[in-house]
Amino acid sequence: MAGFVSLFVALLTTGMPVFLVLGLCAGIMFATSGQPLIGAAQLVINELNSPTLMALPLFVMAATFMRFGGIASALVNLAAAWLGGLPGSLGLVTVVACTLFAAICGSSVATALAMGTILIPAMLERGYPRSFVLGVVGASGTIGIVIPPSLPLILYGIVAEQSVPRLFLAGILPGLLQTAAFFVWVLFEARRRNFPIEPVLPFAERIRLTLAALPALVVPVVVMVGIYGGFVTVTEAAALSAMVALLISLLFYRGFHWTETLAMIASGLRSAASIMLIIATALAVGHWLAESGAPARLVQYLLGHRFETWQFMLAINALLLVLGCFLEVTATLLLVLPILAPALRPMGVDPVHFSIIFTHNMEIGLIHPPVGLNLFVLSSIASAPMGEAIRGILPFLALLLVVLGIIIFVPDLTLWLPDAVFGAMTPRH
């Protein structure tokens, strides 16, 4: 295990892409342990054939259609229609619009990219400080991986063998808590720093913009009603969301012409392929770790030393926060979860509750220096130095840590909704 960690860190520091680092580590570890590489390849192929895993590239495709098809703009207009007259109106619009977009696409980076492209120039033009603009867009984008449908929660469900619909429900209240925390902070900052106030639109105009946004809101409704109504599986809901997003983009918002559909599909496939490469190589590493007996030894160590649940949670959160600074969300999840999953129940931790703790840590990693992906996205969009993005993100980073503490110590926030819909899995004390 120590050899794997040393090799992984050494390769990662060379700047090599994560999927190559994982693939080389897996190959070297299988070779040195005498396990046949062909067996590892067959195991990975079998894992990739998972019907649930097929939902991931389909949701990525839906996010691509929404980003380029005009759906993101419609959601921004909807939020702006009802938030005029409040201090820092565009900052509040950013928080609400990111939440709405997150409920459709399931990706933090895609949310930050789509919303940042629209809102960063608008906020800068209205005189907002650039560091604040980068901070609010980057932090609000992280809501994309906790509000369902969430791509990391799909992967968590596969690796930890948990119900994905139950995980989706578990993310709703924590995601709304995060939205509320950001909303209140932006309102406070706006009053303190006299940010611009957008005019209140006439009621008729607000109704018009709301009606114009209704087709965009069809996508999350189709997904949630389909899954929780028992009409479709998660994978079928993902395919349905991609198809509905494409049709709405072409018929209602016309963000791209139908002749550009193949180019949009190619863009979505490139994004999905990069994620699937990381997943495939991380699965190979996960199989080696399982064969090495590391998860079983971890469980025995924890139980043998009689760690309290809070000590276990403190150590795991510290580990995840550090890893989140350097690794992409998918790689972190697929590297760490196969080791941790067997230890959760013996340590008194509900796997559904832990899914949101894990995901929230990954949210923090997305905006945590030095390697938070959202920081790079925003710095690129705004042509701003990385240091400015980091300064703007710090207050929101503190809020995310507070929300993480609430999620950890108030498990009902996570478990109440899935238990109410599906029934409690195990008694809670």
Protein backbone atom coordinates (compact mmCIF):
# COMPACT_ATOMS: atom_id res chain seq x y z
CA MET A 1 0.00 0.00 0.00
CA ALA A 2 2.82 2.40 0.86
CA GLY A 3 4.47 1.59 -2.46
CA PHE A 4 1.27 2.44 -4.33
CA VAL A 5 0.91 5.79 -2.53
CA SER A 6 4.55 6.72 -3.24
CA LEU A 7 4.25 5.79 -6.92
CA PHE A 8 0.94 7.61 -7.29
CA VAL A 9 2.26 10.84 -5.74
CA ALA A 10 5.51 10.68 -7.74
CA LEU A 11 3.68 10.30 -11.06
CA LEU A 12 1.09 12.95 -10.17
CA THR A 13 3.79 15.55 -9.43
CA THR A 14 5.13 15.16 -12.99
CA GLY A 15 1.94 16.78 -14.33
CA MET A 16 0.82 13.59 -16.05
CA PRO A 17 -2.96 13.34 -16.69
CA VAL A 18 -4.82 11.60 -13.87
CA PHE A 19 -6.08 8.71 -16.01
CA LEU A 20 -2.49 7.92 -17.12
CA VAL A 21 -1.26 8.06 -13.51
CA LEU A 22 -4.00 5.67 -12.42
CA GLY A 23 -3.48 3.36 -15.39
CA LEU A 24 0.29 3.13 -14.86
CA CYS A 25 -0.13 2.56 -11.12
CA ALA A 26 -2.66 -0.20 -11.74
CA GLY A 27 -0.47 -1.90 -14.34
CA ILE A 28 2.68 -1.77 -12.21
CA MET A 29 0.88 -2.97 -9.08
CA PHE A 30 -0.81 -5.88 -10.86
CA ALA A 31 2.49 -6.87 -12.48
CA THR A 32 4.55 -6.73 -9.26
CA SER A 33 1.90 -8.68 -7.31
CA GLY A 34 1.86 -11.44 -9.93
CA GLN A 35 -1.77 -10.91 -10.91
CA PRO A 36 -2.49 -11.25 -14.67
CA LEU A 37 -3.23 -7.95 -16.43
CA ILE A 38 -5.79 -9.64 -18.69
CA GLY A 39 -7.84 -10.51 -15.61
CA ALA A 40 -7.78 -6.90 -14.44
CA ALA A 41 -8.85 -5.70 -17.89
CA GLN A 42 -11.79 -8.13 -17.91
CA LEU A 43 -12.88 -6.98 -14.45
CA VAL A 44 -12.83 -3.32 -15.56
CA ILE A 45 -14.84 -4.13 -18.70
CA ASN A 46 -17.41 -5.94 -16.59
CA GLU A 47 -17.70 -2.94 -14.26
CA LEU A 48 -18.08 -0.52 -17.18
CA ASN A 49 -20.98 -2.60 -18.47
CA SER A 50 -23.02 -1.48 -15.45
CA PRO A 51 -26.44 -0.18 -16.56
CA THR A 52 -26.35 2.47 -13.82
CA LEU A 53 -22.93 3.72 -14.94
CA MET A 54 -24.38 4.33 -18.41
CA ALA A 55 -26.40 7.17 -16.88
CA LEU A 56 -23.23 9.23 -16.40
CA PRO A 57 -22.33 9.95 -20.07
CA LEU A 58 -26.02 10.54 -20.83
CA PHE A 59 -26.30 13.22 -18.12
CA VAL A 60 -23.06 14.76 -19.44
CA MET A 61 -24.68 14.89 -22.90
CA ALA A 62 -27.76 16.58 -21.45
CA ALA A 63 -25.54 19.18 -19.74
CA THR A 64 -23.83 19.91 -23.07
CA PHE A 65 -27.15 20.53 -24.83
CA MET A 66 -28.29 22.80 -22.00
CA ARG A 67 -25.10 24.81 -21.91
CA PHE A 68 -25.11 25.62 -25.64
CA GLY A 69 -28.84 25.40 -26.31
CA GLY A 70 -30.07 28.51 -24.46
CA ILE A 71 -31.48 26.73 -21.41
CA ALA A 72 -28.87 28.32 -19.12
CA SER A 73 -29.84 31.80 -20.34
CA ALA A 74 -33.52 31.09 -19.73
CA LEU A 75 -32.80 30.07 -16.14
CA VAL A 76 -30.74 33.23 -15.55
CA ASN A 77 -33.60 35.36 -16.92
CA LEU A 78 -36.07 33.56 -14.65
CA ALA A 79 -33.98 34.26 -11.54
CA ALA A 80 -33.40 37.88 -12.58
CA ALA A 81 -37.12 38.45 -13.14
CA TRP A 82 -37.94 37.88 -9.46
CA LEU A 83 -34.83 39.20 -7.70
CA GLY A 84 -34.80 42.76 -9.00
CA GLY A 85 -34.93 45.42 -6.31
CA LEU A 86 -32.68 43.51 -3.90
CA PRO A 87 -29.12 44.65 -3.13
CA GLY A 88 -26.59 42.69 -5.19
CA SER A 89 -29.34 41.41 -7.46
CA LEU A 90 -26.99 39.80 -9.98
CA GLY A 91 -25.08 38.03 -7.20
CA LEU A 92 -28.35 36.59 -5.90
CA VAL A 93 -29.32 35.67 -9.47
CA THR A 94 -26.06 33.74 -9.74
CA VAL A 95 -26.81 31.65 -6.63
CA VAL A 96 -30.40 30.86 -7.68
CA ALA A 97 -29.59 30.24 -11.36
CA CYS A 98 -26.73 27.88 -10.45
CA THR A 99 -29.10 25.92 -8.21
CA LEU A 100 -31.68 25.63 -10.99
CA PHE A 101 -29.04 24.60 -13.53
CA ALA A 102 -27.56 22.12 -11.05
CA ALA A 103 -30.96 20.44 -10.79
CA ILE A 104 -30.63 19.64 -14.49
CA CYS A 105 -26.99 18.88 -15.29
CA GLY A 106 -25.34 17.19 -12.26
CA SER A 107 -21.85 18.61 -12.84
CA SER A 108 -20.14 21.37 -10.89
CA VAL A 109 -17.66 22.34 -13.59
CA ALA A 110 -20.41 22.44 -16.24
CA THR A 111 -22.55 24.63 -13.96
CA ALA A 112 -19.68 27.05 -13.28
CA LEU A 113 -18.79 27.17 -16.97
CA ALA A 114 -22.34 27.75 -18.23
CA MET A 115 -23.29 30.31 -15.58
CA GLY A 116 -19.89 31.99 -15.60
CA THR A 117 -20.00 32.57 -19.36
CA ILE A 118 -23.28 34.47 -18.96
CA LEU A 119 -23.01 36.15 -15.56
CA ILE A 120 -19.34 37.07 -15.14
CA PRO A 121 -19.33 39.64 -18.00
CA ALA A 122 -22.72 41.01 -16.85
CA MET A 123 -21.58 41.47 -13.24
CA LEU A 124 -18.27 43.04 -14.22
CA GLU A 125 -20.08 45.47 -16.51
CA ARG A 126 -22.30 46.53 -13.58
CA GLY A 127 -19.25 47.32 -11.46
CA TYR A 128 -19.03 44.30 -9.13
CA PRO A 129 -15.48 43.63 -7.81
CA ARG A 130 -13.93 40.90 -9.96
CA SER A 131 -12.78 38.84 -6.97
CA PHE A 132 -16.35 38.76 -5.60
CA VAL A 133 -17.73 37.81 -9.03
CA LEU A 134 -15.30 34.90 -9.35
CA GLY A 135 -16.04 33.80 -5.80
CA VAL A 136 -19.83 33.72 -6.07
CA VAL A 137 -19.88 31.98 -9.47
CA GLY A 138 -17.25 29.42 -8.48
CA ALA A 139 -18.86 28.61 -5.14
CA SER A 140 -22.41 28.47 -6.52
CA GLY A 141 -21.22 26.13 -9.25
CA THR A 142 -20.32 23.53 -6.64
CA ILE A 143 -24.03 23.03 -5.92
CA GLY A 144 -24.03 21.06 -9.19
CA ILE A 145 -22.68 17.87 -7.59
CA VAL A 146 -25.01 17.62 -4.59
CA ILE A 147 -28.41 18.68 -5.99
CA PRO A 148 -29.78 15.71 -7.98
CA PRO A 149 -29.11 14.47 -10.56
CA SER A 150 -25.50 14.32 -9.35
CA LEU A 151 -22.84 12.47 -11.34
CA PRO A 152 -20.65 11.73 -8.26
CA LEU A 153 -23.67 10.32 -6.40
CA ILE A 154 -24.29 7.92 -9.29
CA LEU A 155 -20.71 6.68 -8.99
CA TYR A 156 -21.01 6.50 -5.20
CA GLY A 157 -24.12 4.36 -5.54
CA ILE A 158 -22.31 1.95 -7.85
CA VAL A 159 -19.15 1.61 -5.74
CA ALA A 160 -20.88 1.53 -2.32
CA GLU A 161 -23.83 -0.55 -3.63
CA GLN A 162 -26.44 2.00 -2.52
CA SER A 163 -29.72 3.01 -4.14
CA VAL A 164 -29.07 5.98 -6.46
CA PRO A 165 -32.63 7.38 -6.10
CA ARG A 166 -32.18 7.32 -2.31
CA LEU A 167 -28.85 9.15 -2.67
CA PHE A 168 -30.45 11.75 -4.94
CA LEU A 169 -33.09 12.50 -2.31
CA ALA A 170 -30.42 12.71 0.38
CA GLY A 171 -28.73 15.56 -1.49
CA ILE A 172 -31.75 17.85 -1.81
CA LEU A 173 -31.93 19.43 1.67
CA PRO A 174 -28.13 19.84 2.11
CA GLY A 175 -28.01 21.42 -1.36
CA LEU A 176 -30.79 23.86 -0.47
CA LEU A 177 -29.03 24.66 2.82
CA GLN A 178 -25.90 25.54 0.86
CA THR A 179 -27.94 27.72 -1.50
CA ALA A 180 -29.53 29.52 1.45
CA ALA A 181 -26.13 30.13 3.09
CA PHE A 182 -24.73 31.63 -0.11
CA PHE A 183 -27.87 33.72 -0.67
CA VAL A 184 -27.72 35.25 2.81
CA TRP A 185 -23.99 35.96 2.52
CA VAL A 186 -24.35 37.66 -0.87
CA LEU A 187 -27.22 39.78 0.51
CA PHE A 188 -25.09 40.75 3.52
CA GLU A 189 -22.07 41.65 1.36
CA ALA A 190 -24.26 43.59 -1.06
CA ARG A 191 -25.67 45.78 1.72
CA ARG A 192 -22.22 46.28 3.28
CA ARG A 193 -20.47 47.15 0.02
CA ASN A 194 -23.35 48.91 -1.77
CA PHE A 195 -23.52 46.58 -4.74
CA PRO A 196 -25.81 47.59 -7.64
CA ILE A 197 -29.56 46.98 -7.40
CA GLU A 198 -31.28 45.82 -10.57
CA PRO A 199 -34.63 47.46 -11.37
CA VAL A 200 -37.88 45.70 -10.51
CA LEU A 201 -39.47 44.48 -13.73
CA PRO A 202 -43.16 45.06 -14.45
CA PHE A 203 -45.30 42.15 -13.33
CA ALA A 204 -46.31 41.32 -16.90
CA GLU A 205 -42.63 41.08 -17.91
CA ARG A 206 -41.86 38.81 -14.98
CA ILE A 207 -44.69 36.50 -15.99
CA ARG A 208 -43.44 36.48 -19.59
CA LEU A 209 -39.90 35.51 -18.54
CA THR A 210 -41.27 32.85 -16.20
CA LEU A 211 -43.35 31.32 -18.96
CA ALA A 212 -40.34 31.46 -21.27
CA ALA A 213 -38.32 29.47 -18.71
CA LEU A 214 -40.94 26.74 -18.23
CA PRO A 215 -39.58 24.53 -21.05
CA ALA A 216 -36.14 24.59 -19.34
CA LEU A 217 -37.74 23.45 -16.08
CA VAL A 218 -39.33 20.49 -17.84
CA VAL A 219 -35.98 18.65 -17.79
CA PRO A 220 -35.62 18.23 -13.97
CA VAL A 221 -39.35 17.54 -13.67
CA VAL A 222 -39.11 14.73 -16.23
CA VAL A 223 -36.09 13.23 -14.44
CA MET A 224 -37.48 13.39 -10.90
CA VAL A 225 -41.04 12.35 -11.74
CA GLY A 226 -39.75 9.53 -13.94
CA ILE A 227 -37.44 8.13 -11.24
CA TYR A 228 -39.63 8.58 -8.16
CA GLY A 229 -42.83 7.77 -9.96
CA GLY A 230 -41.32 4.40 -10.83
CA PHE A 231 -41.73 4.99 -14.57
CA VAL A 232 -38.04 4.81 -15.54
CA THR A 233 -34.71 3.73 -14.11
CA VAL A 234 -31.92 6.23 -13.43
CA THR A 235 -30.25 5.31 -16.73
CA GLU A 236 -33.49 5.70 -18.67
CA ALA A 237 -34.09 9.04 -16.94
CA ALA A 238 -30.61 10.16 -18.05
CA ALA A 239 -31.35 9.23 -21.67
CA LEU A 240 -34.71 10.98 -21.41
CA SER A 241 -33.09 14.14 -19.99
CA ALA A 242 -30.61 14.25 -22.89
CA MET A 243 -33.39 13.84 -25.46
CA VAL A 244 -35.68 16.42 -23.80
CA ALA A 245 -32.78 18.90 -23.42
CA LEU A 246 -31.95 18.51 -27.13
CA LEU A 247 -35.55 18.99 -28.24
CA ILE A 248 -36.08 22.02 -25.98
CA SER A 249 -32.82 23.58 -27.19
CA LEU A 250 -33.80 23.13 -30.83
CA LEU A 251 -37.52 23.92 -30.66
CA PHE A 252 -37.81 26.60 -27.96
CA TYR A 253 -34.51 28.41 -27.38
CA ARG A 254 -32.66 27.72 -30.64
CA GLY A 255 -29.25 28.12 -29.02
CA PHE A 256 -27.82 26.15 -31.91
CA HIS A 257 -29.16 25.15 -35.33
CA TRP A 258 -30.22 21.56 -35.94
CA THR A 259 -27.32 21.21 -38.40
CA GLU A 260 -24.96 21.73 -35.44
CA THR A 261 -26.45 18.84 -33.47
CA LEU A 262 -23.66 16.44 -34.43
CA ALA A 263 -21.06 18.97 -33.25
CA MET A 264 -22.89 19.27 -29.92
CA ILE A 265 -23.01 15.48 -29.58
CA ALA A 266 -19.28 15.28 -30.36
CA SER A 267 -18.56 17.88 -27.66
CA GLY A 268 -20.61 15.92 -25.13
CA LEU A 269 -18.89 12.67 -26.10
CA ARG A 270 -15.45 14.22 -25.56
CA SER A 271 -16.46 15.34 -22.06
CA ALA A 272 -17.99 11.96 -21.24
CA ALA A 273 -15.01 10.04 -22.64
CA SER A 274 -12.54 11.94 -20.44
CA ILE A 275 -14.60 11.02 -17.36
CA MET A 276 -14.97 7.38 -18.43
CA LEU A 277 -11.19 7.06 -18.94
CA ILE A 278 -10.63 8.14 -15.35
CA ILE A 279 -13.36 5.76 -14.17
CA ALA A 280 -11.88 2.78 -16.09
CA THR A 281 -8.35 3.26 -14.75
CA ALA A 282 -9.59 4.03 -11.22
CA LEU A 283 -11.65 0.82 -11.27
CA ALA A 284 -8.47 -1.12 -12.09
CA VAL A 285 -6.74 0.47 -9.09
CA GLY A 286 -9.80 -0.31 -6.96
CA HIS A 287 -9.65 -3.99 -7.92
CA TRP A 288 -5.97 -4.16 -6.99
CA LEU A 289 -6.69 -2.50 -3.63
CA ALA A 290 -9.49 -4.98 -2.95
CA GLU A 291 -7.24 -7.93 -3.85
CA SER A 292 -4.47 -6.54 -1.64
CA GLY A 293 -6.72 -6.80 1.41
CA ALA A 294 -6.29 -3.12 2.36
CA PRO A 295 -10.01 -2.50 3.05
CA ALA A 296 -10.26 -5.50 5.37
CA ARG A 297 -7.11 -4.46 7.23
CA LEU A 298 -8.48 -0.92 7.63
CA VAL A 299 -11.70 -2.23 9.18
CA GLN A 300 -9.78 -4.51 11.53
CA TYR A 301 -7.48 -1.66 12.55
CA LEU A 302 -10.37 0.72 13.27
CA LEU A 303 -12.32 -1.86 15.25
CA GLY A 304 -9.23 -3.15 17.06
CA HIS A 305 -8.26 0.33 18.26
CA ARG A 306 -11.85 1.18 19.18
CA PHE A 307 -11.98 4.53 17.46
CA GLU A 308 -15.07 6.57 18.21
CA THR A 309 -17.32 7.49 15.30
CA TRP A 310 -16.42 11.17 15.60
CA GLN A 311 -12.70 10.39 15.50
CA PHE A 312 -13.20 8.29 12.38
CA MET A 313 -15.23 11.07 10.72
CA LEU A 314 -12.68 13.74 11.64
CA ALA A 315 -9.82 11.74 10.11
CA ILE A 316 -11.77 10.91 6.95
CA ASN A 317 -12.87 14.50 6.41
CA ALA A 318 -9.30 15.73 6.82
CA LEU A 319 -8.14 13.14 4.28
CA LEU A 320 -10.85 14.07 1.77
CA LEU A 321 -10.18 17.79 2.08
CA VAL A 322 -6.48 17.23 1.35
CA LEU A 323 -7.14 14.88 -1.60
CA GLY A 324 -9.75 17.27 -2.98
CA CYS A 325 -7.06 19.93 -3.36
CA PHE A 326 -5.11 17.79 -5.81
CA LEU A 327 -7.41 15.25 -7.46
CA GLU A 328 -10.49 15.44 -9.68
CA VAL A 329 -13.78 14.40 -8.01
CA THR A 330 -14.18 11.14 -9.92
CA ALA A 331 -10.61 9.99 -9.22
CA THR A 332 -10.90 10.78 -5.50
CA LEU A 333 -14.19 8.95 -5.17
CA LEU A 334 -13.03 5.82 -7.00
CA LEU A 335 -9.70 5.70 -5.17
CA VAL A 336 -10.92 6.25 -1.61
CA LEU A 337 -14.44 4.83 -1.46
CA PRO A 338 -13.58 1.16 -2.16
CA ILE A 339 -11.33 1.27 0.92
CA LEU A 340 -13.74 3.20 3.16
CA ALA A 341 -17.08 1.60 2.20
CA PRO A 342 -16.56 -1.66 4.19
CA ALA A 343 -15.68 0.38 7.31
CA LEU A 344 -18.76 2.63 7.35
CA ARG A 345 -21.35 0.42 9.03
CA PRO A 346 -18.90 -1.14 11.54
CA MET A 347 -17.98 2.42 12.57
CA GLY A 348 -21.65 3.39 12.97
CA VAL A 349 -21.84 5.60 9.86
CA ASP A 350 -24.87 5.40 7.56
CA PRO A 351 -23.63 4.98 3.94
CA VAL A 352 -26.36 7.29 2.61
CA HIS A 353 -25.43 9.99 5.12
CA PHE A 354 -21.76 9.52 4.28
CA SER A 355 -22.49 9.95 0.55
CA ILE A 356 -23.43 13.60 1.14
CA ILE A 357 -20.50 14.15 3.52
CA PHE A 358 -18.20 12.73 0.84
CA THR A 359 -19.79 14.79 -1.94
CA HIS A 360 -19.66 17.99 0.11
CA ASN A 361 -15.95 17.45 0.70
CA MET A 362 -15.53 17.14 -3.05
CA GLU A 363 -17.42 20.43 -3.48
CA ILE A 364 -14.89 22.11 -1.21
CA GLY A 365 -12.05 20.53 -3.18
CA LEU A 366 -13.40 22.05 -6.40
CA ILE A 367 -12.78 25.58 -5.09
CA HIS A 368 -9.91 24.87 -2.70
CA PRO A 369 -6.47 26.13 -3.74
CA PRO A 370 -4.14 25.16 -5.25
CA VAL A 371 -5.85 22.88 -7.79
CA GLY A 372 -9.62 23.45 -7.50
CA LEU A 373 -11.01 22.89 -11.01
CA ASN A 374 -13.65 25.62 -10.68
CA LEU A 375 -10.87 28.12 -9.96
CA PHE A 376 -9.22 27.32 -13.28
CA VAL A 377 -12.54 27.53 -15.14
CA LEU A 378 -13.33 30.96 -13.70
CA SER A 379 -9.82 32.31 -14.12
CA SER A 380 -10.00 31.34 -17.78
CA ILE A 381 -13.45 32.85 -18.42
CA ALA A 382 -12.62 36.17 -16.73
CA SER A 383 -8.96 36.30 -17.87
CA ALA A 384 -8.11 36.90 -14.21
CA PRO A 385 -5.06 35.80 -12.19
CA MET A 386 -5.58 32.72 -10.05
CA GLY A 387 -4.80 34.70 -6.87
CA GLU A 388 -7.80 36.94 -7.48
CA ALA A 389 -10.10 33.95 -7.85
CA ILE A 390 -8.74 32.49 -4.60
CA ARG A 391 -9.32 35.75 -2.69
CA GLY A 392 -12.92 35.87 -3.86
CA ILE A 393 -13.60 32.25 -2.98
CA LEU A 394 -12.34 32.35 0.64
CA PRO A 395 -15.59 33.57 2.33
CA PHE A 396 -17.58 30.93 0.47
CA LEU A 397 -15.01 28.30 1.44
CA ALA A 398 -15.64 29.17 5.08
CA LEU A 399 -19.42 28.86 4.52
CA LEU A 400 -18.95 25.44 2.91
CA LEU A 401 -16.99 24.26 5.95
CA VAL A 402 -19.81 25.44 8.24
CA VAL A 403 -22.38 23.63 6.09
CA LEU A 404 -20.17 20.51 6.16
CA GLY A 405 -20.22 20.61 9.98
CA ILE A 406 -24.02 20.85 9.97
CA ILE A 407 -24.32 17.92 7.54
CA ILE A 408 -22.01 15.78 9.71
CA PHE A 409 -23.65 16.49 13.06
CA VAL A 410 -27.29 16.70 11.88
CA PRO A 411 -27.76 13.44 9.94
CA ASP A 412 -31.55 13.98 9.75
CA LEU A 413 -30.88 16.79 7.27
CA THR A 414 -29.59 14.13 4.88
CA LEU A 415 -31.65 11.08 5.86
CA TRP A 416 -35.11 12.50 6.55
CA LEU A 417 -36.24 12.82 2.94
CA PRO A 418 -35.06 9.39 1.65
CA ASP A 419 -36.45 7.74 4.79
CA ALA A 420 -39.78 9.51 4.31
CA VAL A 421 -40.06 8.36 0.69
CA PHE A 422 -38.51 4.88 0.85
CA GLY A 423 -38.67 4.06 4.55
CA ALA A 424 -35.79 3.92 7.02
CA MET A 425 -33.15 1.32 6.10
CA THR A 426 -31.86 0.88 9.66
CA PRO A 427 -32.91 2.32 13.04
CA ARG A 428 -31.07 5.49 13.96
CA HIS A 429 -30.15 6.53 17.48
